[in-house]
C-alpha atoms as a PDB file:
ATOM      1  CA  MET A   1       6.829   8.622   0.106  1.00  0.00           C
ATOM      2  CA  ALA A   2       9.581   5.966   0.296  1.00  0.00           C
ATOM      3  CA  HIS A   3       9.159   3.525   2.458  1.00  0.00           C
ATOM      4  CA  GLY A   4      11.909   1.141   2.701  1.00  0.00           C
ATOM      5  CA  LEU A   5      14.267  -1.286  -0.014  1.00  0.00           C
ATOM      6  CA  TYR A   6      13.252  -3.083  -2.295  1.00  0.00           C
ATOM      7  CA  GLU A   7      16.680  -4.380  -3.896  1.00  0.00           C
ATOM      8  CA  ASP A   8      19.156  -6.013  -3.787  1.00  0.00           C
ATOM      9  CA  ARG A   9      19.070 -10.060  -2.234  1.00  0.00           C
ATOM     10  CA  LEU A  10      15.200  -9.525  -1.835  1.00  0.00           C
ATOM     11  CA  ARG A  11      14.379  -8.360  -5.293  1.00  0.00           C
ATOM     12  CA  GLU A  12      16.379 -11.081  -6.219  1.00  0.00           C
ATOM     13  CA  LEU A  13      13.910 -13.260  -3.951  1.00  0.00           C
ATOM     14  CA  LEU A  14      11.231 -12.343  -5.193  1.00  0.00           C
ATOM     15  CA  HIS A  15      11.794 -12.046  -9.104  1.00  0.00           C
ATOM     16  CA  LEU A  16      12.565 -16.048  -9.293  1.00  0.00           C
ATOM     17  CA  LEU A  17       9.261 -16.211  -7.112  1.00  0.00           C
ATOM     18  CA  LYS A  18       6.981 -13.484  -9.301  1.00  0.00           C
ATOM     19  CA  TYR A  19       9.339 -14.566 -13.543  1.00  0.00           C
ATOM     20  CA  ALA A  20      11.473 -17.683 -12.297  1.00  0.00           C
ATOM     21  CA  GLY A  21       8.240 -19.423 -10.730  1.00  0.00           C
ATOM     22  CA  MET A  22      10.542 -21.120  -8.130  1.00  0.00           C
ATOM     23  CA  GLU A  23       7.676 -21.334  -5.367  1.00  0.00           C
ATOM     24  CA  PRO A  24       9.776 -22.760  -2.440  1.00  0.00           C
ATOM     25  CA  VAL A  25      11.246 -19.134  -2.394  1.00  0.00           C
ATOM     26  CA  ALA A  26       7.895 -18.453  -0.821  1.00  0.00           C
ATOM     27  CA  ASP A  27       7.943 -20.434   2.826  1.00  0.00           C
ATOM     28  CA  HIS A  28      11.354 -18.297   3.067  1.00  0.00           C
ATOM     29  CA  LEU A  29       9.962 -14.857   2.503  1.00  0.00           C
ATOM     30  CA  GLY A  30       5.802 -15.594   4.322  1.00  0.00           C
ATOM     31  CA  GLU A  31       8.926 -16.544   7.227  1.00  0.00           C
ATOM     32  CA  LEU A  32       9.381 -13.231   7.304  1.00  0.00           C
ATOM     33  CA  LEU A  33       6.212 -11.888   6.335  1.00  0.00           C
ATOM     34  CA  ALA A  34       5.413 -13.919   9.709  1.00  0.00           C
ATOM     35  CA  ARG A  35       8.078 -12.560  12.298  1.00  0.00           C
ATOM     36  CA  GLN A  36       6.410  -9.009  10.863  1.00  0.00           C
ATOM     37  CA  VAL A  37       2.897  -9.251  12.089  1.00  0.00           C
ATOM     38  CA  LEU A  38       4.268 -11.021  15.214  1.00  0.00           C
ATOM     39  CA  ALA A  39       6.214  -7.783  15.797  1.00  0.00           C
ATOM     40  CA  VAL A  40       2.898  -6.012  16.105  1.00  0.00           C
ATOM     41  CA  GLU A  41       0.966  -5.577  18.377  1.00  0.00           C
ATOM     42  CA  GLY A  42      -2.670  -6.134  18.893  1.00  0.00           C
ATOM     43  CA  MET A  43      -2.818  -7.511  16.021  1.00  0.00           C
ATOM     44  CA  PRO A  44      -6.095  -9.152  16.501  1.00  0.00           C
ATOM     45  CA  ALA A  45      -6.409 -13.126  16.816  1.00  0.00           C
ATOM     46  CA  LYS A  46      -8.722 -14.032  14.434  1.00  0.00           C
ATOM     47  CA  MET A  47      -7.887 -12.957  10.621  1.00  0.00           C
ATOM     48  CA  LEU A  48      -9.085 -13.260   6.805  1.00  0.00           C
ATOM     49  CA  VAL A  49      -5.714 -14.199   5.084  1.00  0.00           C
ATOM     50  CA  VAL A  50      -6.593 -11.627   1.877  1.00  0.00           C
ATOM     51  CA  PRO A  51      -3.649 -12.271  -0.976  1.00  0.00           C
ATOM     52  CA  VAL A  52      -4.376  -9.519  -3.366  1.00  0.00           C
ATOM     53  CA  PRO A  53      -5.125 -11.372  -6.628  1.00  0.00           C
ATOM     54  CA  LEU A  54      -4.334 -11.394  -9.523  1.00  0.00           C
ATOM     55  CA  PHE A  55      -6.184 -11.774 -13.040  1.00  0.00           C
ATOM     56  CA  ARG A  56      -7.718 -14.738 -14.278  1.00  0.00           C
ATOM     57  CA  ALA A  57      -5.520 -14.014 -17.623  1.00  0.00           C
ATOM     58  CA  LYS A  58      -2.460 -13.547 -15.679  1.00  0.00           C
ATOM     59  CA  ARG A  59      -3.551 -16.152 -13.524  1.00  0.00           C
ATOM     60  CA  GLN A  60      -3.643 -18.586 -16.107  1.00  0.00           C
ATOM     61  CA  GLN A  61      -0.855 -17.437 -17.735  1.00  0.00           C
ATOM     62  CA  ARG A  62       1.901 -17.395 -15.101  1.00  0.00           C
ATOM     63  CA  GLY A  63      -0.005 -20.056 -12.967  1.00  0.00           C
ATOM     64  CA  PHE A  64       0.305 -19.606  -9.398  1.00  0.00           C
ATOM     65  CA  ASN A  65      -0.897 -16.302  -7.884  1.00  0.00           C
ATOM     66  CA  GLN A  66       2.358 -15.088  -5.635  1.00  0.00           C
ATOM     67  CA  ALA A  67       0.896 -13.025  -3.280  1.00  0.00           C
ATOM     68  CA  GLU A  68      -1.142 -15.861  -2.403  1.00  0.00           C
ATOM     69  CA  LEU A  69       1.895 -18.457  -2.399  1.00  0.00           C
ATOM     70  CA  LEU A  70       2.487 -15.650  -0.007  1.00  0.00           C
ATOM     71  CA  ALA A  71      -0.087 -15.470   2.384  1.00  0.00           C
ATOM     72  CA  GLN A  72       0.114 -19.432   2.879  1.00  0.00           C
ATOM     73  CA  ALA A  73       3.379 -19.892   4.065  1.00  0.00           C
ATOM     74  CA  ALA A  74       2.691 -16.436   6.422  1.00  0.00           C
ATOM     75  CA  VAL A  75      -0.891 -18.069   8.025  1.00  0.00           C
ATOM     76  CA  LYS A  76       1.436 -21.104   8.193  1.00  0.00           C
ATOM     77  CA  ALA A  77       3.980 -20.158  10.116  1.00  0.00           C
ATOM     78  CA  LEU A  78       1.612 -18.280  12.745  1.00  0.00           C
ATOM     79  CA  ARG A  79       0.136 -20.329  13.304  1.00  0.00           C
ATOM     80  CA  ARG A  80       2.932 -21.951  14.474  1.00  0.00           C
ATOM     81  CA  ALA A  81       4.212 -19.056  16.588  1.00  0.00           C
ATOM     82  CA  ARG A  82       0.683 -18.463  17.499  1.00  0.00           C
ATOM     83  CA  PRO A  83      -1.870 -21.884  18.080  1.00  0.00           C
ATOM     84  CA  GLU A  84      -3.926 -19.813  19.567  1.00  0.00           C
ATOM     85  CA  TRP A  85      -4.729 -17.793  16.393  1.00  0.00           C
ATOM     86  CA  THR A  86      -7.306 -18.550  14.025  1.00  0.00           C
ATOM     87  CA  LEU A  87      -6.248 -17.155  10.699  1.00  0.00           C
ATOM     88  CA  THR A  88      -8.084 -18.413   7.296  1.00  0.00           C
ATOM     89  CA  VAL A  89      -6.574 -17.862   3.878  1.00  0.00           C
ATOM     90  CA  ALA A  90      -9.492 -16.473   1.821  1.00  0.00           C
ATOM     91  CA  THR A  91      -8.950 -16.158  -2.117  1.00  0.00           C
ATOM     92  CA  GLY A  92     -12.075 -16.286  -3.033  1.00  0.00           C
ATOM     93  CA  VAL A  93     -13.346 -12.419  -1.434  1.00  0.00           C
ATOM     94  CA  LEU A  94     -11.843 -10.240  -3.429  1.00  0.00           C
ATOM     95  CA  GLU A  95     -11.484 -10.066  -7.074  1.00  0.00           C
ATOM     96  CA  ARG A  96      -9.353  -8.528 -10.107  1.00  0.00           C
ATOM     97  CA  ARG A  97     -12.320  -8.075 -12.427  1.00  0.00           C
ATOM     98  CA  ARG A  98     -10.490  -5.820 -15.168  1.00  0.00           C
ATOM     99  CA  ALA A  99      -7.231  -6.465 -16.584  1.00  0.00           C
ATOM    100  CA  THR A 100      -4.569  -3.951 -15.358  1.00  0.00           C
ATOM    101  CA  GLN A 101      -1.375  -2.913 -16.799  1.00  0.00           C
ATOM    102  CA  SER A 102       1.639  -3.613 -15.365  1.00  0.00           C
ATOM    103  CA  GLN A 103       2.503  -0.957 -12.452  1.00  0.00           C
ATOM    104  CA  ALA A 104       5.749  -1.625 -13.500  1.00  0.00           C
ATOM    105  CA  GLY A 105       7.501   2.312 -14.606  1.00  0.00           C
ATOM    106  CA  LEU A 106       3.733   3.708 -14.066  1.00  0.00           C
ATOM    107  CA  THR A 107       4.068   7.986 -11.950  1.00  0.00           C
ATOM    108  CA  PRO A 108       1.834   7.281  -8.395  1.00  0.00           C
ATOM    109  CA  HIS A 109      -0.774   9.201 -10.133  1.00  0.00           C
ATOM    110  CA  LYS A 110      -1.001   6.663 -12.970  1.00  0.00           C
ATOM    111  CA  ARG A 111      -0.496   3.321 -10.320  1.00  0.00           C
ATOM    112  CA  ARG A 112      -3.807   4.604  -8.935  1.00  0.00           C
ATOM    113  CA  ALA A 113      -5.693   5.325 -12.174  1.00  0.00           C
ATOM    114  CA  ASN A 114      -5.315   1.806 -13.502  1.00  0.00           C
ATOM    115  CA  VAL A 115      -6.344  -0.069 -10.682  1.00  0.00           C
ATOM    116  CA  ARG A 116      -9.298   2.267 -10.230  1.00  0.00           C
ATOM    117  CA  GLY A 117     -12.462  -0.057  -9.558  1.00  0.00           C
ATOM    118  CA  ALA A 118     -10.223  -3.333 -10.850  1.00  0.00           C
ATOM    119  CA  PHE A 119     -10.978  -4.945  -7.250  1.00  0.00           C
ATOM    120  CA  PHE A 120     -14.529  -6.368  -6.556  1.00  0.00           C
ATOM    121  CA  ALA A 121     -15.490  -8.454  -3.101  1.00  0.00           C
ATOM    122  CA  PRO A 122     -18.093 -11.369  -4.633  1.00  0.00           C
ATOM    123  CA  PHE A 123     -19.079 -11.742  -0.732  1.00  0.00           C
ATOM    124  CA  PRO A 124     -19.415  -9.523   1.264  1.00  0.00           C
ATOM    125  CA  ASP A 125     -21.429 -11.796   3.864  1.00  0.00           C
ATOM    126  CA  LYS A 126     -18.058 -13.208   4.617  1.00  0.00           C
ATOM    127  CA  LEU A 127     -16.497  -9.846   5.319  1.00  0.00           C
ATOM    128  CA  LYS A 128     -19.364  -7.850   7.584  1.00  0.00           C
ATOM    129  CA  GLY A 129     -16.808  -7.608  10.737  1.00  0.00           C
ATOM    130  CA  ALA A 130     -14.079  -9.170   9.742  1.00  0.00           C
ATOM    131  CA  ASP A 131     -10.678  -8.170  10.491  1.00  0.00           C
ATOM    132  CA  VAL A 132      -8.703  -8.808   6.964  1.00  0.00           C
ATOM    133  CA  LEU A 133      -4.594  -9.081   6.950  1.00  0.00           C
ATOM    134  CA  LEU A 134      -3.822  -8.185   3.113  1.00  0.00           C
ATOM    135  CA  ILE A 135      -0.815  -9.309   1.493  1.00  0.00           C
ATOM    136  CA  ASP A 136       1.470  -8.362  -1.219  1.00  0.00           C
ATOM    137  CA  ASP A 137       4.686  -9.367  -2.303  1.00  0.00           C
ATOM    138  CA  ILE A 138       5.673  -4.887  -3.072  1.00  0.00           C
ATOM    139  CA  TYR A 139       4.166  -2.063  -1.209  1.00  0.00           C
ATOM    140  CA  THR A 140       5.700   0.937  -4.194  1.00  0.00           C
ATOM    141  CA  THR A 141       2.776   4.014  -3.330  1.00  0.00           C
ATOM    142  CA  GLY A 142      -0.052   1.630  -1.887  1.00  0.00           C
ATOM    143  CA  ALA A 143      -2.177   2.249  -4.610  1.00  0.00           C
ATOM    144  CA  THR A 144      -2.797  -1.129  -5.254  1.00  0.00           C
ATOM    145  CA  ALA A 145      -3.097  -1.781  -1.407  1.00  0.00           C
ATOM    146  CA  ARG A 146      -5.509   1.430  -1.086  1.00  0.00           C
ATOM    147  CA  ALA A 147      -7.608  -0.425  -3.759  1.00  0.00           C
ATOM    148  CA  CYS A 148      -7.864  -3.755  -2.471  1.00  0.00           C
ATOM    149  CA  ALA A 149      -9.061  -2.427   0.630  1.00  0.00           C
ATOM    150  CA  GLN A 150     -11.491  -0.256  -0.208  1.00  0.00           C
ATOM    151  CA  ALA A 151     -13.311  -2.964  -1.478  1.00  0.00           C
ATOM    152  CA  LEU A 152     -12.862  -4.797   1.506  1.00  0.00           C
ATOM    153  CA  ARG A 153     -14.321  -2.057   3.671  1.00  0.00           C
ATOM    154  CA  ARG A 154     -16.430  -1.712   1.398  1.00  0.00           C
ATOM    155  CA  ALA A 155     -17.664  -4.758   1.763  1.00  0.00           C
ATOM    156  CA  GLY A 156     -17.750  -4.138   5.536  1.00  0.00           C
ATOM    157  CA  ALA A 157     -15.034  -5.301   6.495  1.00  0.00           C
ATOM    158  CA  ARG A 158     -13.876  -4.273  10.286  1.00  0.00           C
ATOM    159  CA  SER A 159      -9.984  -3.365   9.154  1.00  0.00           C
ATOM    160  CA  VAL A 160      -7.626  -4.681   6.934  1.00  0.00           C
ATOM    161  CA  HIS A 161      -3.813  -4.584   7.537  1.00  0.00           C
ATOM    162  CA  VAL A 162      -1.597  -4.903   4.400  1.00  0.00           C
ATOM    163  CA  ALA A 163       1.646  -7.026   4.607  1.00  0.00           C
ATOM    164  CA  THR A 164       4.608  -6.534   2.128  1.00  0.00           C
ATOM    165  CA  VAL A 165       7.614  -8.512   1.403  1.00  0.00           C
ATOM    166  CA  ALA A 166       9.333  -5.359   0.256  1.00  0.00           C
ATOM    167  CA  ARG A 167       8.849  -1.388  -0.130  1.00  0.00           C
ATOM    168  CA  ALA A 168      10.362   0.156  -2.877  1.00  0.00           C
ATOM    169  CA  GLN A 169      12.365   3.203  -2.751  1.00  0.00           C
ATOM    170  CA  ARG A 170      10.759   6.972  -4.119  1.00  0.00           C
ATOM    171  CA  GLN A 171      12.896   6.236  -7.125  1.00  0.00           C
ATOM    172  CA  GLU A 172      12.071   3.188  -7.605  1.00  0.00           C
ATOM    173  CA  MET A 173       8.678   3.920  -8.258  1.00  0.00           C
ATOM    174  CA  ILE A 174       9.479   5.326 -12.254  1.00  0.00           C
ATOM    175  CA  GLN A 175      12.530   4.373 -12.703  1.00  0.00           C
ATOM    176  CA  PRO A 176      15.557   1.732 -12.203  1.00  0.00           C
ATOM    177  CA  PRO A 177      17.661   3.582  -9.032  1.00  0.00           C
ATOM    178  CA  ALA A 178      21.198   4.527 -10.573  1.00  0.00           C
ATOM    179  CA  THR A 179      23.216   3.843  -7.493  1.00  0.00           C
ATOM    180  CA  HIS A 180      22.051   1.022  -4.533  1.00  0.00           C
ATOM    181  CA  ALA A 181      21.598   2.253  -1.113  1.00  0.00           C
ATOM    182  CA  LYS A 182      23.116   1.107   1.963  1.00  0.00           C
ATOM    183  CA  ASP A 183      22.355  -2.836   1.936  1.00  0.00           C
ATOM    184  CA  VAL A 184      19.860  -3.345   5.282  1.00  0.00           C
ATOM    185  CA  PRO A 185      19.293  -7.576   6.911  1.00  0.00           C
ATOM    186  CA  MET A 186      16.788  -8.980   4.928  1.00  0.00           C
ATOM    187  CA  HIS A 187      15.078  -9.517   8.116  1.00  0.00           C
ATOM    188  CA  GLU A 188      14.025  -6.252   8.405  1.00  0.00           C
ATOM    189  CA  ASP A 189      13.739  -5.244   5.293  1.00  0.00           C
ATOM    190  CA  VAL A 190       9.472  -6.443   4.862  1.00  0.00           C
ATOM    191  CA  ALA A 191       6.772  -3.924   5.773  1.00  0.00           C
ATOM    192  CA  LEU A 192       3.950  -3.578   7.483  1.00  0.00           C
ATOM    193  CA  TRP A 193       0.755  -0.982   6.539  1.00  0.00           C
ATOM    194  CA  ASP A 194      -1.948  -0.490   8.784  1.00  0.00           C
ATOM    195  CA  ALA A 195      -4.183   0.326   6.272  1.00  0.00           C
ATOM    196  CA  GLU A 196      -7.132   1.078   8.797  1.00  0.00           C
ATOM    197  CA  PHE A 197      -6.612   5.255   7.097  1.00  0.00           C
ATOM    198  CA  VAL A 198      -8.980   4.102   4.426  1.00  0.00           C
ATOM    199  CA  PRO A 199     -12.438   5.325   4.504  1.00  0.00           C
ATOM    200  CA  ALA A 200     -15.497   3.080   4.808  1.00  0.00           C
ATOM    201  CA  ALA A 201     -18.194   2.953   2.480  1.00  0.00           C
ATOM    202  CA  ARG A 202     -20.679   6.281   2.523  1.00  0.00           C
ATOM    203  CA  GLY A 203     -23.498   5.086   4.539  1.00  0.00           C
ATOM    204  CA  ALA A 204     -21.745   2.618   6.553  1.00  0.00           C
END
């Protein structure tokens, strides 16, 4: 299922952040994420904000994790808007314990297989009973988000909400689109996905 648009200006901004290393772009994108979180009724007032981690070697090669920059920027904006909320950026509670192939160009089935077992929560005591806001840049098939959410739930997280800056169109999951769809205002092209559909660990 297609979950929205990842194209034009928003795609350009994400590429500037992710591949050109223009870290200040994260501030604007984080503001967009914050707006969407604020628009969702019933969000917990206390949350651990967890960026999707990179494998250690990839992080060293790139010099930063774009999801972490987005999480930090979103939290800044959320704290300004909701000073009564308790938000903690928790970068160590979820780890990518093995290198994975780039998801770009993979079929949905291959994406799921690629990230299966790749994520691990090394400190379950920090997650027990916690409400988690998982942050990533792009939501395509949901394979990465689901794998992360499953690891977090198995470690004891009470709920996991997934917020991403962009959503990929179905044709972009496998190959670049031949034509662009109708433009969508950039401030609307941010998705928040409720991942409470992720089953709790067996025996929990």
